[in-house]
Amino acid sequence: MWYIIFSIFTVIISLFLIDRKKLKVLIPAYLLSSVIGFSLDVIFDFTLKYYYYIDAPVPNGVLSFLMETFIGPPYGMIFIQYIPKGKIRYIIYTAAWILFLTAVEAVFHINGLLIYNRWNYFFSVITYIFTLLAITAQYKYLFKE
């Protein structure tokens, strides 16, 4: 149930924070976020069993698909839309996003909805760094400033 509520919350927040005129720039970030997130879930959740979701109203694979469609990617779009110019500002901005994403994950983990088997917050931070850098690189490649 919490997954559905958080998905609805994320979509609503996205609708308010995303400039629909910039969808040409934001859709690639959405797609890359989705591919990276789902790929990581396939590797670390399904294959290696490093973590898993519980109390989901749908099977784990379907839940991962829905989460990587309605939760992670909208945040990728918001990240790209407000990306600042300048290296120092970008580093601070990205660090704030990593803290935010880790906090969201911590809420799921602390409430027992996400169980770590051989996973920890350090691994999550590494995956968030990789994901945000990949989205930034894609953005800079596709839409040279």
N, C-alpha and C. Protein backbone atom coordinates (compact mmCIF):
# COMPACT_ATOMS: atom_id res chain seq x y z
N MET A 1 0.82 -1.20 0.00
CA MET A 1 0.00 0.00 0.00
C MET A 1 0.86 1.27 0.00
N TRP A 2 1.96 1.24 0.82
CA TRP A 2 2.83 2.42 0.90
C TRP A 2 3.51 2.71 -0.43
N TYR A 3 3.80 1.66 -1.19
CA TYR A 3 4.43 1.85 -2.50
C TYR A 3 3.49 2.63 -3.42
N ILE A 4 2.22 2.27 -3.37
CA ILE A 4 1.22 2.94 -4.23
C ILE A 4 1.07 4.39 -3.80
N ILE A 5 0.98 4.63 -2.51
CA ILE A 5 0.84 6.00 -2.00
C ILE A 5 2.05 6.84 -2.40
N PHE A 6 3.25 6.29 -2.23
CA PHE A 6 4.46 7.03 -2.57
C PHE A 6 4.54 7.27 -4.08
N SER A 7 4.11 6.30 -4.89
CA SER A 7 4.09 6.48 -6.34
C SER A 7 3.16 7.62 -6.73
N ILE A 8 1.98 7.65 -6.15
CA ILE A 8 1.02 8.72 -6.44
C ILE A 8 1.59 10.07 -6.01
N PHE A 9 2.19 10.11 -4.82
CA PHE A 9 2.82 11.33 -4.32
C PHE A 9 3.90 11.82 -5.28
N THR A 10 4.74 10.89 -5.75
CA THR A 10 5.83 11.25 -6.66
C THR A 10 5.30 11.80 -7.97
N VAL A 11 4.29 11.16 -8.52
CA VAL A 11 3.72 11.63 -9.79
C VAL A 11 3.11 13.02 -9.61
N ILE A 12 2.41 13.24 -8.51
CA ILE A 12 1.79 14.56 -8.26
C ILE A 12 2.87 15.63 -8.11
N ILE A 13 3.91 15.34 -7.33
CA ILE A 13 5.02 16.29 -7.16
C ILE A 13 5.65 16.60 -8.52
N SER A 14 5.83 15.57 -9.33
CA SER A 14 6.43 15.75 -10.65
C SER A 14 5.59 16.65 -11.53
N LEU A 15 4.29 16.47 -11.47
CA LEU A 15 3.41 17.29 -12.30
C LEU A 15 3.54 18.77 -11.96
N PHE A 16 3.79 19.07 -10.69
CA PHE A 16 3.95 20.46 -10.27
C PHE A 16 5.34 21.01 -10.55
N LEU A 17 6.36 20.16 -10.50
CA LEU A 17 7.74 20.64 -10.62
C LEU A 17 8.33 20.54 -12.02
N ILE A 18 7.69 19.80 -12.89
CA ILE A 18 8.25 19.61 -14.23
C ILE A 18 7.61 20.59 -15.21
N ASP A 19 8.46 21.27 -15.93
CA ASP A 19 8.00 22.19 -16.98
C ASP A 19 7.72 21.37 -18.23
N ARG A 20 6.46 21.25 -18.58
CA ARG A 20 6.08 20.40 -19.72
C ARG A 20 6.64 20.92 -21.05
N LYS A 21 7.07 22.16 -21.08
CA LYS A 21 7.68 22.70 -22.30
C LYS A 21 9.08 22.12 -22.51
N LYS A 22 9.66 21.57 -21.45
CA LYS A 22 11.02 21.02 -21.52
C LYS A 22 11.03 19.50 -21.62
N LEU A 23 9.93 18.91 -22.04
CA LEU A 23 9.86 17.44 -22.09
C LEU A 23 10.91 16.85 -23.02
N LYS A 24 11.28 17.57 -24.06
CA LYS A 24 12.33 17.09 -24.99
C LYS A 24 13.63 16.82 -24.23
N VAL A 25 13.90 17.62 -23.23
CA VAL A 25 15.10 17.46 -22.41
C VAL A 25 14.88 16.43 -21.30
N LEU A 26 13.66 16.38 -20.77
CA LEU A 26 13.39 15.58 -19.58
C LEU A 26 13.10 14.11 -19.88
N ILE A 27 12.51 13.81 -21.02
CA ILE A 27 12.16 12.41 -21.35
C ILE A 27 13.40 11.51 -21.40
N PRO A 28 14.52 11.93 -22.02
CA PRO A 28 15.71 11.07 -21.98
C PRO A 28 16.17 10.78 -20.55
N ALA A 29 16.08 11.76 -19.65
CA ALA A 29 16.46 11.54 -18.25
C ALA A 29 15.51 10.53 -17.61
N TYR A 30 14.24 10.63 -17.92
CA TYR A 30 13.24 9.68 -17.41
C TYR A 30 13.58 8.27 -17.87
N LEU A 31 13.83 8.12 -19.15
CA LEU A 31 14.10 6.79 -19.71
C LEU A 31 15.40 6.20 -19.15
N LEU A 32 16.46 7.00 -19.08
CA LEU A 32 17.72 6.49 -18.55
C LEU A 32 17.59 6.13 -17.07
N SER A 33 16.90 6.95 -16.29
CA SER A 33 16.67 6.64 -14.88
C SER A 33 15.93 5.31 -14.74
N SER A 34 14.94 5.11 -15.58
CA SER A 34 14.16 3.88 -15.53
C SER A 34 15.01 2.67 -15.89
N VAL A 35 15.80 2.78 -16.94
CA VAL A 35 16.64 1.65 -17.37
C VAL A 35 17.68 1.32 -16.31
N ILE A 36 18.34 2.33 -15.76
CA ILE A 36 19.35 2.09 -14.73
C ILE A 36 18.70 1.47 -13.49
N GLY A 37 17.61 2.05 -13.03
CA GLY A 37 16.95 1.53 -11.83
C GLY A 37 16.47 0.10 -11.99
N PHE A 38 15.83 -0.19 -13.11
CA PHE A 38 15.33 -1.54 -13.31
C PHE A 38 16.49 -2.52 -13.49
N SER A 39 17.54 -2.11 -14.18
CA SER A 39 18.71 -2.97 -14.34
C SER A 39 19.35 -3.30 -12.99
N LEU A 40 19.48 -2.30 -12.14
CA LEU A 40 20.06 -2.53 -10.82
C LEU A 40 19.16 -3.45 -9.99
N ASP A 41 17.84 -3.29 -10.10
CA ASP A 41 16.93 -4.19 -9.38
C ASP A 41 17.06 -5.62 -9.89
N VAL A 42 17.19 -5.78 -11.20
CA VAL A 42 17.34 -7.13 -11.76
C VAL A 42 18.62 -7.77 -11.23
N ILE A 43 19.70 -7.00 -11.20
CA ILE A 43 20.98 -7.55 -10.74
C ILE A 43 20.98 -7.79 -9.24
N PHE A 44 20.65 -6.76 -8.45
CA PHE A 44 20.83 -6.85 -7.00
C PHE A 44 19.64 -7.42 -6.24
N ASP A 45 18.43 -7.29 -6.77
CA ASP A 45 17.26 -7.83 -6.10
C ASP A 45 16.96 -9.25 -6.57
N PHE A 46 16.70 -9.40 -7.85
CA PHE A 46 16.28 -10.70 -8.38
C PHE A 46 17.42 -11.71 -8.46
N THR A 47 18.57 -11.28 -8.98
CA THR A 47 19.66 -12.22 -9.23
C THR A 47 20.49 -12.49 -7.97
N LEU A 48 21.02 -11.44 -7.35
CA LEU A 48 21.93 -11.62 -6.22
C LEU A 48 21.23 -11.63 -4.86
N LYS A 49 19.97 -11.22 -4.82
CA LYS A 49 19.18 -11.20 -3.57
C LYS A 49 19.84 -10.34 -2.48
N TYR A 50 20.39 -9.19 -2.87
CA TYR A 50 21.02 -8.30 -1.90
C TYR A 50 19.97 -7.53 -1.09
N TYR A 51 18.80 -7.34 -1.65
CA TYR A 51 17.69 -6.69 -0.97
C TYR A 51 16.41 -7.17 -1.61
N TYR A 52 15.31 -6.90 -0.94
CA TYR A 52 14.01 -7.25 -1.50
C TYR A 52 12.92 -6.41 -0.84
N TYR A 53 11.82 -6.28 -1.52
CA TYR A 53 10.69 -5.50 -1.05
C TYR A 53 9.66 -6.44 -0.43
N ILE A 54 9.00 -5.98 0.64
CA ILE A 54 7.95 -6.81 1.24
C ILE A 54 6.68 -5.99 1.39
N ASP A 55 5.62 -6.69 1.74
CA ASP A 55 4.29 -6.09 1.92
C ASP A 55 3.83 -5.36 0.67
N ALA A 56 4.20 -5.86 -0.47
CA ALA A 56 3.79 -5.24 -1.72
C ALA A 56 2.48 -5.87 -2.19
N PRO A 57 1.59 -5.08 -2.78
CA PRO A 57 0.33 -5.63 -3.26
C PRO A 57 0.47 -6.41 -4.57
N VAL A 58 1.67 -6.38 -5.13
CA VAL A 58 1.94 -7.08 -6.39
C VAL A 58 3.24 -7.86 -6.25
N PRO A 59 3.50 -8.84 -7.13
CA PRO A 59 4.77 -9.59 -7.04
C PRO A 59 5.98 -8.66 -7.15
N ASN A 60 7.10 -9.09 -6.58
CA ASN A 60 8.31 -8.28 -6.48
C ASN A 60 8.78 -7.73 -7.84
N GLY A 61 8.75 -8.55 -8.89
CA GLY A 61 9.17 -8.09 -10.21
C GLY A 61 8.28 -6.99 -10.76
N VAL A 62 6.98 -7.14 -10.56
CA VAL A 62 6.03 -6.13 -11.01
C VAL A 62 6.23 -4.85 -10.19
N LEU A 63 6.46 -5.02 -8.89
CA LEU A 63 6.71 -3.86 -8.03
C LEU A 63 7.95 -3.10 -8.48
N SER A 64 9.02 -3.81 -8.77
CA SER A 64 10.24 -3.14 -9.25
C SER A 64 9.97 -2.38 -10.53
N PHE A 65 9.22 -3.00 -11.43
CA PHE A 65 8.88 -2.32 -12.69
C PHE A 65 8.09 -1.05 -12.41
N LEU A 66 7.09 -1.14 -11.53
CA LEU A 66 6.28 0.04 -11.22
C LEU A 66 7.10 1.12 -10.52
N MET A 67 7.99 0.70 -9.60
CA MET A 67 8.82 1.68 -8.91
C MET A 67 9.78 2.38 -9.87
N GLU A 68 10.30 1.62 -10.82
CA GLU A 68 11.24 2.20 -11.77
C GLU A 68 10.51 2.89 -12.93
N THR A 69 9.20 2.95 -12.84
CA THR A 69 8.40 3.70 -13.80
C THR A 69 7.81 4.95 -13.15
N PHE A 70 7.36 4.82 -11.90
CA PHE A 70 6.62 5.91 -11.27
C PHE A 70 7.33 6.59 -10.10
N ILE A 71 8.43 6.04 -9.60
CA ILE A 71 9.10 6.69 -8.47
C ILE A 71 10.45 7.26 -8.89
N GLY A 72 11.39 6.43 -9.29
CA GLY A 72 12.74 6.90 -9.61
C GLY A 72 12.81 7.87 -10.79
N PRO A 73 12.27 7.50 -11.94
CA PRO A 73 12.42 8.36 -13.12
C PRO A 73 11.85 9.78 -12.99
N PRO A 74 10.70 9.97 -12.34
CA PRO A 74 10.26 11.37 -12.19
C PRO A 74 11.27 12.22 -11.41
N TYR A 75 11.95 11.60 -10.43
CA TYR A 75 12.97 12.34 -9.71
C TYR A 75 14.15 12.65 -10.62
N GLY A 76 14.46 11.76 -11.56
CA GLY A 76 15.51 12.02 -12.54
C GLY A 76 15.16 13.23 -13.40
N MET A 77 13.89 13.33 -13.76
CA MET A 77 13.43 14.48 -14.56
C MET A 77 13.55 15.78 -13.76
N ILE A 78 13.15 15.73 -12.50
CA ILE A 78 13.25 16.92 -11.66
C ILE A 78 14.72 17.30 -11.47
N PHE A 79 15.58 16.31 -11.25
CA PHE A 79 17.02 16.56 -11.10
C PHE A 79 17.56 17.31 -12.31
N ILE A 80 17.26 16.84 -13.51
CA ILE A 80 17.78 17.47 -14.73
C ILE A 80 17.19 18.86 -14.94
N GLN A 81 15.92 19.02 -14.65
CA GLN A 81 15.28 20.31 -14.91
C GLN A 81 15.94 21.44 -14.13
N TYR A 82 16.36 21.18 -12.91
CA TYR A 82 16.89 22.23 -12.06
C TYR A 82 18.41 22.18 -11.90
N ILE A 83 19.07 21.44 -12.78
CA ILE A 83 20.52 21.29 -12.68
C ILE A 83 21.20 22.66 -12.81
N PRO A 84 22.06 23.02 -11.86
CA PRO A 84 22.68 24.34 -11.90
C PRO A 84 23.91 24.38 -12.80
N LYS A 85 24.29 25.57 -13.17
CA LYS A 85 25.53 25.77 -13.92
C LYS A 85 26.65 25.99 -12.90
N GLY A 86 27.84 25.58 -13.26
CA GLY A 86 28.99 25.72 -12.37
C GLY A 86 29.27 24.43 -11.63
N LYS A 87 30.56 24.10 -11.54
CA LYS A 87 30.95 22.82 -10.95
C LYS A 87 30.63 22.72 -9.45
N ILE A 88 30.93 23.75 -8.71
CA ILE A 88 30.70 23.71 -7.26
C ILE A 88 29.20 23.59 -6.97
N ARG A 89 28.41 24.40 -7.66
CA ARG A 89 26.96 24.32 -7.47
C ARG A 89 26.42 22.95 -7.86
N TYR A 90 26.96 22.39 -8.94
CA TYR A 90 26.54 21.05 -9.38
C TYR A 90 26.89 19.99 -8.33
N ILE A 91 28.07 20.07 -7.76
CA ILE A 91 28.49 19.10 -6.74
C ILE A 91 27.58 19.19 -5.51
N ILE A 92 27.31 20.41 -5.07
CA ILE A 92 26.42 20.59 -3.91
C ILE A 92 25.02 20.09 -4.23
N TYR A 93 24.52 20.44 -5.41
CA TYR A 93 23.19 20.02 -5.86
C TYR A 93 23.09 18.50 -5.92
N THR A 94 24.09 17.87 -6.50
CA THR A 94 24.09 16.41 -6.62
C THR A 94 24.20 15.75 -5.24
N ALA A 95 25.02 16.29 -4.38
CA ALA A 95 25.14 15.76 -3.02
C ALA A 95 23.81 15.85 -2.27
N ALA A 96 23.11 16.97 -2.44
CA ALA A 96 21.80 17.13 -1.81
C ALA A 96 20.82 16.08 -2.34
N TRP A 97 20.85 15.83 -3.64
CA TRP A 97 19.98 14.82 -4.23
C TRP A 97 20.32 13.42 -3.72
N ILE A 98 21.59 13.13 -3.58
CA ILE A 98 22.01 11.82 -3.06
C ILE A 98 21.50 11.65 -1.63
N LEU A 99 21.61 12.68 -0.83
CA LEU A 99 21.09 12.62 0.54
C LEU A 99 19.57 12.43 0.53
N PHE A 100 18.88 13.15 -0.32
CA PHE A 100 17.42 13.03 -0.42
C PHE A 100 17.02 11.62 -0.83
N LEU A 101 17.64 11.08 -1.89
CA LEU A 101 17.29 9.75 -2.38
C LEU A 101 17.60 8.68 -1.34
N THR A 102 18.71 8.84 -0.64
CA THR A 102 19.07 7.89 0.41
C THR A 102 18.06 7.99 1.56
N ALA A 103 17.60 9.18 1.87
CA ALA A 103 16.60 9.36 2.93
C ALA A 103 15.28 8.69 2.55
N VAL A 104 14.88 8.83 1.29
CA VAL A 104 13.65 8.16 0.83
C VAL A 104 13.80 6.65 0.98
N GLU A 105 14.94 6.13 0.56
CA GLU A 105 15.19 4.70 0.70
C GLU A 105 15.19 4.30 2.17
N ALA A 106 15.78 5.13 3.02
CA ALA A 106 15.83 4.84 4.46
C ALA A 106 14.43 4.74 5.05
N VAL A 107 13.53 5.57 4.59
CA VAL A 107 12.15 5.50 5.09
C VAL A 107 11.55 4.13 4.78
N PHE A 108 11.75 3.65 3.56
CA PHE A 108 11.25 2.32 3.20
C PHE A 108 11.96 1.25 4.04
N HIS A 109 13.27 1.39 4.21
CA HIS A 109 14.05 0.39 4.95
C HIS A 109 13.67 0.38 6.44
N ILE A 110 13.61 1.53 7.06
CA ILE A 110 13.30 1.62 8.48
C ILE A 110 11.89 1.10 8.78
N ASN A 111 10.98 1.34 7.85
CA ASN A 111 9.60 0.86 8.04
C ASN A 111 9.42 -0.60 7.66
N GLY A 112 10.50 -1.27 7.29
CA GLY A 112 10.43 -2.70 7.01
C GLY A 112 9.85 -3.06 5.66
N LEU A 113 9.75 -2.10 4.75
CA LEU A 113 9.22 -2.36 3.42
C LEU A 113 10.32 -2.77 2.45
N LEU A 114 11.55 -2.42 2.78
CA LEU A 114 12.73 -2.77 1.99
C LEU A 114 13.70 -3.47 2.94
N ILE A 115 14.00 -4.72 2.66
CA ILE A 115 14.85 -5.51 3.55
C ILE A 115 16.23 -5.67 2.89
N TYR A 116 17.26 -5.32 3.64
CA TYR A 116 18.62 -5.50 3.16
C TYR A 116 19.10 -6.90 3.55
N ASN A 117 19.66 -7.60 2.60
CA ASN A 117 20.24 -8.90 2.86
C ASN A 117 21.75 -8.77 2.90
N ARG A 118 22.33 -8.35 1.80
CA ARG A 118 23.77 -8.06 1.72
C ARG A 118 23.95 -6.66 1.13
N TRP A 119 23.11 -5.77 1.49
CA TRP A 119 23.08 -4.41 0.97
C TRP A 119 23.23 -3.46 2.13
N ASN A 120 23.63 -2.21 1.85
CA ASN A 120 23.66 -1.19 2.89
C ASN A 120 23.54 0.18 2.23
N TYR A 121 23.50 1.22 3.05
CA TYR A 121 23.32 2.57 2.52
C TYR A 121 24.52 3.01 1.68
N PHE A 122 25.70 2.54 1.99
CA PHE A 122 26.88 2.90 1.20
C PHE A 122 26.69 2.46 -0.26
N PHE A 123 26.20 1.23 -0.46
CA PHE A 123 25.95 0.76 -1.83
C PHE A 123 24.89 1.61 -2.52
N SER A 124 23.89 2.02 -1.77
CA SER A 124 22.85 2.88 -2.34
C SER A 124 23.43 4.21 -2.78
N VAL A 125 24.28 4.79 -1.94
CA VAL A 125 24.90 6.08 -2.29
C VAL A 125 25.71 5.93 -3.58
N ILE A 126 26.45 4.85 -3.69
CA ILE A 126 27.25 4.60 -4.91
C ILE A 126 26.34 4.51 -6.13
N THR A 127 25.23 3.80 -6.02
CA THR A 127 24.32 3.67 -7.17
C THR A 127 23.66 5.01 -7.50
N TYR A 128 23.36 5.81 -6.48
CA TYR A 128 22.78 7.13 -6.77
C TYR A 128 23.80 8.05 -7.43
N ILE A 129 25.05 8.00 -7.00
CA ILE A 129 26.10 8.79 -7.65
C ILE A 129 26.20 8.38 -9.12
N PHE A 130 26.31 7.09 -9.36
CA PHE A 130 26.40 6.58 -10.74
C PHE A 130 25.20 7.02 -11.58
N THR A 131 24.02 6.87 -11.03
CA THR A 131 22.81 7.21 -11.78
C THR A 131 22.75 8.70 -12.11
N LEU A 132 23.01 9.55 -11.13
CA LEU A 132 22.93 10.99 -11.37
C LEU A 132 24.03 11.47 -12.32
N LEU A 133 25.20 10.88 -12.22
CA LEU A 133 26.27 11.24 -13.17
C LEU A 133 25.92 10.76 -14.58
N ALA A 134 25.33 9.59 -14.70
CA ALA A 134 24.93 9.09 -16.02
C ALA A 134 23.85 9.96 -16.64
N ILE A 135 22.88 10.37 -15.83
CA ILE A 135 21.82 11.25 -16.33
C ILE A 135 22.42 12.59 -16.75
N THR A 136 23.35 13.11 -15.96
CA THR A 136 24.00 14.38 -16.30
C THR A 136 24.79 14.25 -17.59
N ALA A 137 25.55 13.17 -17.73
CA ALA A 137 26.35 12.97 -18.94
C ALA A 137 25.45 12.87 -20.17
N GLN A 138 24.35 12.14 -20.03
CA GLN A 138 23.41 12.03 -21.15
C GLN A 138 22.85 13.40 -21.51
N TYR A 139 22.47 14.15 -20.52
CA TYR A 139 21.92 15.50 -20.72
C TYR A 139 22.93 16.40 -21.44
N LYS A 140 24.16 16.39 -20.97
CA LYS A 140 25.18 17.24 -21.58
C LYS A 140 25.52 16.78 -23.00
N TYR A 141 25.45 15.48 -23.25
CA TYR A 141 25.73 14.96 -24.58
C TYR A 141 24.59 15.31 -25.55
N LEU A 142 23.36 15.10 -25.12
CA LEU A 142 22.22 15.35 -25.99
C LEU A 142 21.91 16.82 -26.18
N PHE A 143 22.14 17.60 -25.14
CA PHE A 143 21.77 19.01 -25.17
C PHE A 143 22.95 19.85 -24.75
N LYS A 144 23.93 19.90 -25.61
CA LYS A 144 25.16 20.65 -25.32
C LYS A 144 24.82 22.09 -25.00
N GLU A 145 25.40 22.52 -23.90
CA GLU A 145 25.12 23.90 -23.44
C GLU A 145 26.06 24.87 -24.11
